[in-house]
C-alpha atoms as a PDB file:
ATOM      1  CA  UNK A   1     -20.293  13.390 -36.838  1.00  0.00           C
ATOM      2  CA  UNK A   2     -22.791  13.510 -39.473  1.00  0.00           C
ATOM      3  CA  UNK A   3     -21.125  13.139 -43.525  1.00  0.00           C
ATOM      4  CA  UNK A   4     -20.770  16.842 -45.084  1.00  0.00           C
ATOM      5  CA  UNK A   5     -20.874  16.901 -48.744  1.00  0.00           C
ATOM      6  CA  UNK A   6     -18.559  19.422 -49.822  1.00  0.00           C
ATOM      7  CA  UNK A   7     -20.459  19.667 -52.963  1.00  0.00           C
ATOM      8  CA  UNK A   8     -20.497  23.920 -52.563  1.00  0.00           C
ATOM      9  CA  UNK A   9     -19.460  26.231 -50.005  1.00  0.00           C
ATOM     10  CA  UNK A  10     -23.104  27.333 -48.848  1.00  0.00           C
ATOM     11  CA  UNK A  11     -24.145  23.662 -48.490  1.00  0.00           C
ATOM     12  CA  UNK A  12     -21.242  22.989 -46.099  1.00  0.00           C
ATOM     13  CA  UNK A  13     -22.411  26.506 -43.828  1.00  0.00           C
ATOM     14  CA  UNK A  14     -25.013  25.535 -44.253  1.00  0.00           C
ATOM     15  CA  UNK A  15     -24.480  21.742 -42.734  1.00  0.00           C
ATOM     16  CA  UNK A  16     -22.459  22.868 -40.011  1.00  0.00           C
ATOM     17  CA  UNK A  17     -25.224  25.849 -38.840  1.00  0.00           C
ATOM     18  CA  UNK A  18     -27.692  23.262 -38.972  1.00  0.00           C
ATOM     19  CA  UNK A  19     -25.192  20.922 -36.146  1.00  0.00           C
ATOM     20  CA  UNK A  20     -23.062  23.755 -34.740  1.00  0.00           C
ATOM     21  CA  UNK A  21     -27.147  24.608 -33.713  1.00  0.00           C
ATOM     22  CA  UNK A  22     -28.389  20.954 -32.360  1.00  0.00           C
ATOM     23  CA  UNK A  23     -25.017  20.894 -30.698  1.00  0.00           C
ATOM     24  CA  UNK A  24     -25.423  23.968 -28.243  1.00  0.00           C
ATOM     25  CA  UNK A  25     -29.291  23.274 -27.648  1.00  0.00           C
ATOM     26  CA  UNK A  26     -27.611  19.778 -26.266  1.00  0.00           C
ATOM     27  CA  UNK A  27     -25.772  21.427 -24.112  1.00  0.00           C
ATOM     28  CA  UNK A  28     -27.153  23.845 -22.787  1.00  0.00           C
ATOM     29  CA  UNK A  29     -29.405  20.865 -21.214  1.00  0.00           C
ATOM     30  CA  UNK A  30     -27.166  18.818 -19.921  1.00  0.00           C
ATOM     31  CA  UNK A  31     -24.261  21.894 -18.607  1.00  0.00           C
ATOM     32  CA  UNK A  32     -26.800  24.633 -17.268  1.00  0.00           C
ATOM     33  CA  UNK A  33     -23.869  27.230 -16.227  1.00  0.00           C
ATOM     34  CA  UNK A  34     -22.400  27.299 -19.645  1.00  0.00           C
ATOM     35  CA  UNK A  35     -26.970  27.753 -20.839  1.00  0.00           C
ATOM     36  CA  UNK A  36     -26.738  31.914 -21.125  1.00  0.00           C
ATOM     37  CA  UNK A  37     -23.287  31.360 -23.414  1.00  0.00           C
ATOM     38  CA  UNK A  38     -25.076  28.831 -26.223  1.00  0.00           C
ATOM     39  CA  UNK A  39     -28.255  31.005 -26.150  1.00  0.00           C
ATOM     40  CA  UNK A  40     -26.024  34.506 -27.133  1.00  0.00           C
ATOM     41  CA  UNK A  41     -23.602  32.690 -28.503  1.00  0.00           C
ATOM     42  CA  UNK A  42     -25.510  30.506 -30.821  1.00  0.00           C
ATOM     43  CA  UNK A  43     -28.873  29.393 -30.540  1.00  0.00           C
ATOM     44  CA  UNK A  44     -29.881  33.355 -30.371  1.00  0.00           C
ATOM     45  CA  UNK A  45     -27.791  34.362 -33.168  1.00  0.00           C
ATOM     46  CA  UNK A  46     -29.429  33.981 -37.088  1.00  0.00           C
ATOM     47  CA  UNK A  47     -26.961  32.934 -38.792  1.00  0.00           C
ATOM     48  CA  UNK A  48     -23.166  31.350 -38.929  1.00  0.00           C
ATOM     49  CA  UNK A  49     -20.785  34.356 -39.611  1.00  0.00           C
ATOM     50  CA  UNK A  50     -23.715  36.266 -37.360  1.00  0.00           C
ATOM     51  CA  UNK A  51     -21.856  34.414 -34.760  1.00  0.00           C
ATOM     52  CA  UNK A  52     -18.039  34.220 -36.033  1.00  0.00           C
ATOM     53  CA  UNK A  53     -18.727  38.542 -35.721  1.00  0.00           C
ATOM     54  CA  UNK A  54     -20.079  38.078 -32.030  1.00  0.00           C
ATOM     55  CA  UNK A  55     -17.782  35.333 -29.827  1.00  0.00           C
ATOM     56  CA  UNK A  56     -14.323  36.725 -31.667  1.00  0.00           C
ATOM     57  CA  UNK A  57     -15.732  40.976 -31.275  1.00  0.00           C
ATOM     58  CA  UNK A  58     -16.437  39.699 -27.309  1.00  0.00           C
ATOM     59  CA  UNK A  59     -12.796  38.171 -26.814  1.00  0.00           C
ATOM     60  CA  UNK A  60     -11.061  40.796 -28.965  1.00  0.00           C
ATOM     61  CA  UNK A  61     -13.415  43.713 -27.329  1.00  0.00           C
ATOM     62  CA  UNK A  62     -11.605  45.580 -24.876  1.00  0.00           C
ATOM     63  CA  UNK A  63     -11.916  49.636 -23.013  1.00  0.00           C
ATOM     64  CA  UNK A  64     -11.136  50.856 -25.308  1.00  0.00           C
ATOM     65  CA  UNK A  65     -12.422  49.357 -28.034  1.00  0.00           C
ATOM     66  CA  UNK A  66     -16.167  47.286 -26.645  1.00  0.00           C
ATOM     67  CA  UNK A  67     -17.066  44.337 -28.712  1.00  0.00           C
ATOM     68  CA  UNK A  68     -19.737  45.699 -29.917  1.00  0.00           C
ATOM     69  CA  UNK A  69     -18.663  47.773 -32.362  1.00  0.00           C
ATOM     70  CA  UNK A  70     -15.904  45.386 -33.809  1.00  0.00           C
ATOM     71  CA  UNK A  71     -18.903  42.897 -34.322  1.00  0.00           C
ATOM     72  CA  UNK A  72     -20.718  45.997 -36.576  1.00  0.00           C
ATOM     73  CA  UNK A  73     -17.029  46.071 -38.075  1.00  0.00           C
ATOM     74  CA  UNK A  74     -17.020  42.064 -38.365  1.00  0.00           C
ATOM     75  CA  UNK A  75     -20.296  41.834 -39.477  1.00  0.00           C
ATOM     76  CA  UNK A  76     -19.481  44.376 -42.686  1.00  0.00           C
ATOM     77  CA  UNK A  77     -17.038  42.183 -43.844  1.00  0.00           C
ATOM     78  CA  UNK A  78     -18.445  39.465 -43.694  1.00  0.00           C
ATOM     79  CA  UNK A  79     -21.352  40.382 -45.116  1.00  0.00           C
ATOM     80  CA  UNK A  80     -19.205  42.177 -48.276  1.00  0.00           C
ATOM     81  CA  UNK A  81     -17.139  39.341 -48.592  1.00  0.00           C
ATOM     82  CA  UNK A  82     -18.558  35.708 -48.517  1.00  0.00           C
ATOM     83  CA  UNK A  83     -15.321  33.845 -48.927  1.00  0.00           C
ATOM     84  CA  UNK A  84     -13.857  34.467 -45.061  1.00  0.00           C
ATOM     85  CA  UNK A  85     -16.744  32.996 -43.713  1.00  0.00           C
ATOM     86  CA  UNK A  86     -15.947  30.015 -46.447  1.00  0.00           C
ATOM     87  CA  UNK A  87     -13.207  29.968 -45.562  1.00  0.00           C
ATOM     88  CA  UNK A  88     -13.980  29.240 -41.651  1.00  0.00           C
ATOM     89  CA  UNK A  89     -16.438  26.933 -41.900  1.00  0.00           C
ATOM     90  CA  UNK A  90     -14.380  25.109 -43.853  1.00  0.00           C
ATOM     91  CA  UNK A  91     -11.422  24.932 -40.784  1.00  0.00           C
ATOM     92  CA  UNK A  92     -13.843  23.854 -38.662  1.00  0.00           C
ATOM     93  CA  UNK A  93     -14.455  21.000 -40.640  1.00  0.00           C
ATOM     94  CA  UNK A  94     -10.910  20.351 -40.884  1.00  0.00           C
ATOM     95  CA  UNK A  95     -10.191  20.633 -37.083  1.00  0.00           C
ATOM     96  CA  UNK A  96     -13.141  18.086 -36.082  1.00  0.00           C
ATOM     97  CA  UNK A  97     -12.369  15.641 -39.201  1.00  0.00           C
ATOM     98  CA  UNK A  98      -7.880  15.717 -37.932  1.00  0.00           C
ATOM     99  CA  UNK A  99      -7.968  16.548 -34.664  1.00  0.00           C
ATOM    100  CA  UNK A 100      -9.121  13.550 -32.119  1.00  0.00           C
ATOM    101  CA  UNK A 101      -9.099  15.630 -29.165  1.00  0.00           C
ATOM    102  CA  UNK A 102     -12.212  17.710 -30.928  1.00  0.00           C
ATOM    103  CA  UNK A 103     -15.446  16.550 -29.905  1.00  0.00           C
ATOM    104  CA  UNK A 104     -17.776  18.471 -31.289  1.00  0.00           C
ATOM    105  CA  UNK A 105     -17.765  21.709 -34.148  1.00  0.00           C
ATOM    106  CA  UNK A 106     -19.137  23.159 -30.616  1.00  0.00           C
ATOM    107  CA  UNK A 107     -15.427  22.576 -29.355  1.00  0.00           C
ATOM    108  CA  UNK A 108     -13.590  23.911 -31.236  1.00  0.00           C
ATOM    109  CA  UNK A 109     -15.824  27.277 -32.418  1.00  0.00           C
ATOM    110  CA  UNK A 110     -15.702  28.219 -28.627  1.00  0.00           C
ATOM    111  CA  UNK A 111     -12.683  26.304 -27.348  1.00  0.00           C
ATOM    112  CA  UNK A 112      -9.441  26.130 -30.077  1.00  0.00           C
ATOM    113  CA  UNK A 113      -8.083  29.032 -30.156  1.00  0.00           C
ATOM    114  CA  UNK A 114      -5.347  27.838 -33.284  1.00  0.00           C
ATOM    115  CA  UNK A 115      -9.573  28.141 -34.895  1.00  0.00           C
ATOM    116  CA  UNK A 116      -9.911  31.228 -33.683  1.00  0.00           C
ATOM    117  CA  UNK A 117      -6.676  33.523 -34.231  1.00  0.00           C
ATOM    118  CA  UNK A 118      -7.391  32.320 -37.500  1.00  0.00           C
ATOM    119  CA  UNK A 119     -10.164  33.459 -37.721  1.00  0.00           C
ATOM    120  CA  UNK A 120      -8.385  37.136 -36.598  1.00  0.00           C
ATOM    121  CA  UNK A 121      -6.359  37.409 -39.242  1.00  0.00           C
ATOM    122  CA  UNK A 122      -8.492  36.288 -41.809  1.00  0.00           C
ATOM    123  CA  UNK A 123     -10.833  39.888 -40.375  1.00  0.00           C
ATOM    124  CA  UNK A 124      -7.346  41.542 -39.963  1.00  0.00           C
ATOM    125  CA  UNK A 125      -6.007  40.462 -44.600  1.00  0.00           C
ATOM    126  CA  UNK A 126      -9.382  41.912 -44.679  1.00  0.00           C
ATOM    127  CA  UNK A 127      -8.330  45.413 -43.635  1.00  0.00           C
ATOM    128  CA  UNK A 128      -5.239  44.858 -44.772  1.00  0.00           C
ATOM    129  CA  UNK A 129      -6.263  44.528 -48.662  1.00  0.00           C
ATOM    130  CA  UNK A 130      -8.421  47.550 -48.090  1.00  0.00           C
ATOM    131  CA  UNK A 131      -6.086  49.567 -46.885  1.00  0.00           C
ATOM    132  CA  UNK A 132      -6.900  49.504 -42.966  1.00  0.00           C
ATOM    133  CA  UNK A 133      -3.031  48.855 -42.274  1.00  0.00           C
ATOM    134  CA  UNK A 134      -3.596  50.651 -38.254  1.00  0.00           C
ATOM    135  CA  UNK A 135      -6.859  47.964 -37.536  1.00  0.00           C
ATOM    136  CA  UNK A 136      -5.224  45.640 -39.222  1.00  0.00           C
ATOM    137  CA  UNK A 137      -2.451  45.909 -36.745  1.00  0.00           C
ATOM    138  CA  UNK A 138      -4.647  46.012 -33.999  1.00  0.00           C
ATOM    139  CA  UNK A 139      -6.822  42.981 -34.723  1.00  0.00           C
ATOM    140  CA  UNK A 140      -2.648  41.218 -34.751  1.00  0.00           C
ATOM    141  CA  UNK A 141      -1.314  42.106 -31.673  1.00  0.00           C
ATOM    142  CA  UNK A 142      -4.646  41.430 -30.207  1.00  0.00           C
ATOM    143  CA  UNK A 143      -4.239  38.123 -31.393  1.00  0.00           C
ATOM    144  CA  UNK A 144      -1.134  37.430 -30.041  1.00  0.00           C
ATOM    145  CA  UNK A 145      -1.251  38.738 -26.927  1.00  0.00           C
ATOM    146  CA  UNK A 146      -4.552  36.529 -25.947  1.00  0.00           C
ATOM    147  CA  UNK A 147      -3.058  33.251 -28.320  1.00  0.00           C
ATOM    148  CA  UNK A 148       0.390  33.501 -28.702  1.00  0.00           C
ATOM    149  CA  UNK A 149      -0.763  33.391 -32.440  1.00  0.00           C
ATOM    150  CA  UNK A 150       1.492  35.799 -34.891  1.00  0.00           C
ATOM    151  CA  UNK A 151       0.566  35.986 -38.328  1.00  0.00           C
ATOM    152  CA  UNK A 152       1.052  39.270 -39.717  1.00  0.00           C
ATOM    153  CA  UNK A 153      -2.737  40.348 -41.907  1.00  0.00           C
ATOM    154  CA  UNK A 154      -0.542  40.741 -45.367  1.00  0.00           C
ATOM    155  CA  UNK A 155       0.315  36.644 -45.050  1.00  0.00           C
ATOM    156  CA  UNK A 156      -1.902  34.674 -47.227  1.00  0.00           C
ATOM    157  CA  UNK A 157      -3.412  32.011 -46.312  1.00  0.00           C
ATOM    158  CA  UNK A 158      -5.747  28.817 -48.300  1.00  0.00           C
ATOM    159  CA  UNK A 159      -8.859  27.819 -46.799  1.00  0.00           C
ATOM    160  CA  UNK A 160      -9.573  24.553 -44.621  1.00  0.00           C
ATOM    161  CA  UNK A 161      -6.544  25.093 -42.415  1.00  0.00           C
ATOM    162  CA  UNK A 162      -5.763  23.176 -38.924  1.00  0.00           C
ATOM    163  CA  UNK A 163      -3.676  25.611 -36.640  1.00  0.00           C
ATOM    164  CA  UNK A 164      -3.443  22.781 -33.945  1.00  0.00           C
ATOM    165  CA  UNK A 165      -2.633  24.290 -29.935  1.00  0.00           C
ATOM    166  CA  UNK A 166      -1.328  26.884 -31.913  1.00  0.00           C
ATOM    167  CA  UNK A 167       0.715  29.119 -28.960  1.00  0.00           C
ATOM    168  CA  UNK A 168       3.854  30.392 -30.627  1.00  0.00           C
ATOM    169  CA  UNK A 169       2.673  30.173 -34.571  1.00  0.00           C
ATOM    170  CA  UNK A 170       4.417  33.182 -36.181  1.00  0.00           C
ATOM    171  CA  UNK A 171       4.130  33.590 -39.629  1.00  0.00           C
ATOM    172  CA  UNK A 172       5.679  36.709 -41.326  1.00  0.00           C
ATOM    173  CA  UNK A 173       4.472  39.686 -43.922  1.00  0.00           C
ATOM    174  CA  UNK A 174       5.648  37.502 -47.608  1.00  0.00           C
ATOM    175  CA  UNK A 175       4.894  34.019 -46.259  1.00  0.00           C
ATOM    176  CA  UNK A 176       1.864  31.686 -48.082  1.00  0.00           C
ATOM    177  CA  UNK A 177      -0.548  28.767 -46.839  1.00  0.00           C
ATOM    178  CA  UNK A 178      -1.988  26.607 -49.348  1.00  0.00           C
ATOM    179  CA  UNK A 179      -5.634  25.217 -48.684  1.00  0.00           C
ATOM    180  CA  UNK A 180      -5.645  22.307 -46.051  1.00  0.00           C
ATOM    181  CA  UNK A 181      -2.724  21.871 -44.932  1.00  0.00           C
ATOM    182  CA  UNK A 182      -1.930  21.392 -40.713  1.00  0.00           C
ATOM    183  CA  UNK A 183       0.475  23.108 -39.101  1.00  0.00           C
ATOM    184  CA  UNK A 184       0.730  22.479 -35.002  1.00  0.00           C
ATOM    185  CA  UNK A 185       2.300  24.359 -32.784  1.00  0.00           C
ATOM    186  CA  UNK A 186       5.808  25.877 -32.360  1.00  0.00           C
ATOM    187  CA  UNK A 187       5.789  27.200 -36.364  1.00  0.00           C
ATOM    188  CA  UNK A 188       7.777  29.684 -37.353  1.00  0.00           C
ATOM    189  CA  UNK A 189       7.322  30.641 -41.444  1.00  0.00           C
ATOM    190  CA  UNK A 190       9.968  33.483 -41.534  1.00  0.00           C
ATOM    191  CA  UNK A 191      13.347  35.305 -43.070  1.00  0.00           C
ATOM    192  CA  UNK A 192      16.658  34.928 -42.502  1.00  0.00           C
ATOM    193  CA  UNK A 193      17.488  38.450 -42.631  1.00  0.00           C
ATOM    194  CA  UNK A 194      16.534  42.111 -42.926  1.00  0.00           C
ATOM    195  CA  UNK A 195      15.509  42.527 -46.317  1.00  0.00           C
ATOM    196  CA  UNK A 196      12.091  43.783 -47.259  1.00  0.00           C
ATOM    197  CA  UNK A 197      11.777  42.221 -50.461  1.00  0.00           C
ATOM    198  CA  UNK A 198       9.513  38.676 -50.919  1.00  0.00           C
ATOM    199  CA  UNK A 199      11.506  37.081 -48.386  1.00  0.00           C
ATOM    200  CA  UNK A 200       9.041  33.641 -46.414  1.00  0.00           C
ATOM    201  CA  UNK A 201       8.143  30.533 -47.004  1.00  0.00           C
ATOM    202  CA  UNK A 202       5.901  29.711 -49.658  1.00  0.00           C
ATOM    203  CA  UNK A 203       3.581  26.275 -48.014  1.00  0.00           C
ATOM    204  CA  UNK A 204       2.439  24.104 -50.932  1.00  0.00           C
ATOM    205  CA  UNK A 205      -1.812  22.314 -50.172  1.00  0.00           C
ATOM    206  CA  UNK A 206      -1.944  20.091 -48.121  1.00  0.00           C
ATOM    207  CA  UNK A 207       1.087  20.156 -46.165  1.00  0.00           C
ATOM    208  CA  UNK A 208       1.881  18.742 -42.146  1.00  0.00           C
ATOM    209  CA  UNK A 209       3.466  20.932 -40.205  1.00  0.00           C
ATOM    210  CA  UNK A 210       5.350  19.275 -37.254  1.00  0.00           C
ATOM    211  CA  UNK A 211       5.537  21.691 -33.830  1.00  0.00           C
ATOM    212  CA  UNK A 212       8.712  23.816 -33.721  1.00  0.00           C
ATOM    213  CA  UNK A 213       9.404  23.147 -37.717  1.00  0.00           C
ATOM    214  CA  UNK A 214      11.307  26.647 -38.370  1.00  0.00           C
ATOM    215  CA  UNK A 215      11.021  27.175 -42.676  1.00  0.00           C
ATOM    216  CA  UNK A 216      13.460  30.870 -43.080  1.00  0.00           C
ATOM    217  CA  UNK A 217      13.618  32.016 -46.211  1.00  0.00           C
ATOM    218  CA  UNK A 218      11.808  32.379 -49.703  1.00  0.00           C
ATOM    219  CA  UNK A 219      11.501  28.694 -50.270  1.00  0.00           C
ATOM    220  CA  UNK A 220       8.111  26.812 -51.817  1.00  0.00           C
ATOM    221  CA  UNK A 221       7.675  23.247 -50.116  1.00  0.00           C
ATOM    222  CA  UNK A 222       5.405  21.253 -52.133  1.00  0.00           C
ATOM    223  CA  UNK A 223       2.273  19.900 -52.129  1.00  0.00           C
ATOM    224  CA  UNK A 224       1.434  17.388 -49.433  1.00  0.00           C
ATOM    225  CA  UNK A 225       4.645  17.312 -48.381  1.00  0.00           C
ATOM    226  CA  UNK A 226       5.845  16.664 -45.144  1.00  0.00           C
ATOM    227  CA  UNK A 227       8.077  18.808 -42.006  1.00  0.00           C
ATOM    228  CA  UNK A 228       9.326  17.018 -38.934  1.00  0.00           C
ATOM    229  CA  UNK A 229       8.842  18.588 -35.272  1.00  0.00           C
ATOM    230  CA  UNK A 230      11.839  20.636 -34.216  1.00  0.00           C
ATOM    231  CA  UNK A 231      13.153  20.330 -37.985  1.00  0.00           C
ATOM    232  CA  UNK A 232      15.092  23.198 -39.855  1.00  0.00           C
ATOM    233  CA  UNK A 233      14.161  24.628 -42.996  1.00  0.00           C
ATOM    234  CA  UNK A 234      16.880  26.274 -45.457  1.00  0.00           C
ATOM    235  CA  UNK A 235      15.842  24.929 -49.123  1.00  0.00           C
ATOM    236  CA  UNK A 236      13.161  23.708 -51.091  1.00  0.00           C
ATOM    237  CA  UNK A 237      11.147  20.933 -50.916  1.00  0.00           C
ATOM    238  CA  UNK A 238       9.911  18.992 -52.632  1.00  0.00           C
ATOM    239  CA  UNK A 239       5.828  17.656 -53.456  1.00  0.00           C
ATOM    240  CA  UNK A 240       5.244  14.922 -51.064  1.00  0.00           C
ATOM    241  CA  UNK A 241       8.091  14.752 -49.707  1.00  0.00           C
ATOM    242  CA  UNK A 242       9.516  14.370 -45.560  1.00  0.00           C
ATOM    243  CA  UNK A 243      12.312  16.506 -44.616  1.00  0.00           C
ATOM    244  CA  UNK A 244      13.923  16.301 -41.275  1.00  0.00           C
ATOM    245  CA  UNK A 245      16.693  18.087 -39.406  1.00  0.00           C
ATOM    246  CA  UNK A 246      18.320  20.806 -38.823  1.00  0.00           C
ATOM    247  CA  UNK A 247      19.039  21.524 -41.798  1.00  0.00           C
ATOM    248  CA  UNK A 248      16.202  20.118 -43.510  1.00  0.00           C
ATOM    249  CA  UNK A 249      16.983  16.935 -45.326  1.00  0.00           C
ATOM    250  CA  UNK A 250      15.044  14.490 -46.957  1.00  0.00           C
ATOM    251  CA  UNK A 251      13.660  11.183 -45.026  1.00  0.00           C
ATOM    252  CA  UNK A 252      11.550   7.671 -44.794  1.00  0.00           C
ATOM    253  CA  UNK A 253      10.930   8.256 -48.034  1.00  0.00           C
ATOM    254  CA  UNK A 254       7.604   9.804 -50.234  1.00  0.00           C
ATOM    255  CA  UNK A 255       3.766  11.044 -48.529  1.00  0.00           C
ATOM    256  CA  UNK A 256       0.667  10.226 -48.736  1.00  0.00           C
ATOM    257  CA  UNK A 257      -0.918  12.393 -50.659  1.00  0.00           C
ATOM    258  CA  UNK A 258      -2.108  14.589 -48.333  1.00  0.00           C
ATOM    259  CA  UNK A 259      -0.347  14.093 -45.303  1.00  0.00           C
ATOM    260  CA  UNK A 260      -2.091  16.853 -43.506  1.00  0.00           C
ATOM    261  CA  UNK A 261      -5.744  15.145 -42.913  1.00  0.00           C
ATOM    262  CA  UNK A 262      -3.948  12.231 -42.020  1.00  0.00           C
ATOM    263  CA  UNK A 263      -1.971  13.560 -39.080  1.00  0.00           C
ATOM    264  CA  UNK A 264       0.752  10.726 -38.459  1.00  0.00           C
ATOM    265  CA  UNK A 265       3.906  12.272 -37.852  1.00  0.00           C
ATOM    266  CA  UNK A 266       5.941   8.680 -37.898  1.00  0.00           C
ATOM    267  CA  UNK A 267       8.704   8.870 -39.557  1.00  0.00           C
ATOM    268  CA  UNK A 268      11.274   5.619 -40.578  1.00  0.00           C
ATOM    269  CA  UNK A 269      14.177   6.504 -41.278  1.00  0.00           C
ATOM    270  CA  UNK A 270      15.647   2.929 -42.682  1.00  0.00           C
ATOM    271  CA  UNK A 271      13.640   4.085 -46.105  1.00  0.00           C
END
């Protein structure tokens, strides 16, 4: 994997797109059965945003809403908001760097449903902010049907996020997730009752949330915190703190500055 300089979002996008196309050409030579897919999805596309719009449209298309219509909708969004495209690129980089099962950008782009579901959320969030709530709900529902990922369109997610496996992820309407987080499958960012106000968790930057963790209520998880798998978090978590258990309590001493990047889920309970 080439070293990517994060001097600017645009330069990252250019480097990732060039690498993605090179990978697609190499695989097309060796996997002839997939060559049509690779040429149509990547090689013959003019840019990263056009490739992403086309790929997502094909995934979400139904007999009632065609891929052609969705592709135009998505391209209009991308052309009006470059930050969504940059966020998608940084998400792709995050998966490639953190997931040992990820062998290429191409593998993640085409087949990792956590990445795909996150990009669908980003489009739905943009539609929600434009007041197009029914279309936003349509994308949310399709993502839930296809990938078992249910992120409310009003939720706020940063960039450089990895949703590992992603099955069973639920994020409520007023939940927030900061830049650089890693979230495993079965995680819930939920409320604790029927209140309609600000009622969901606020996750800081570079937080690692283990599989099956439930974080409930309008609470804050500080930057660089680590939530152990299977934990139920009901109170604020300080920055760089590791919590585990039901209910979750601090364990194992302070964690690294960026546990989301290290993906280290082992805990020394003797500390």
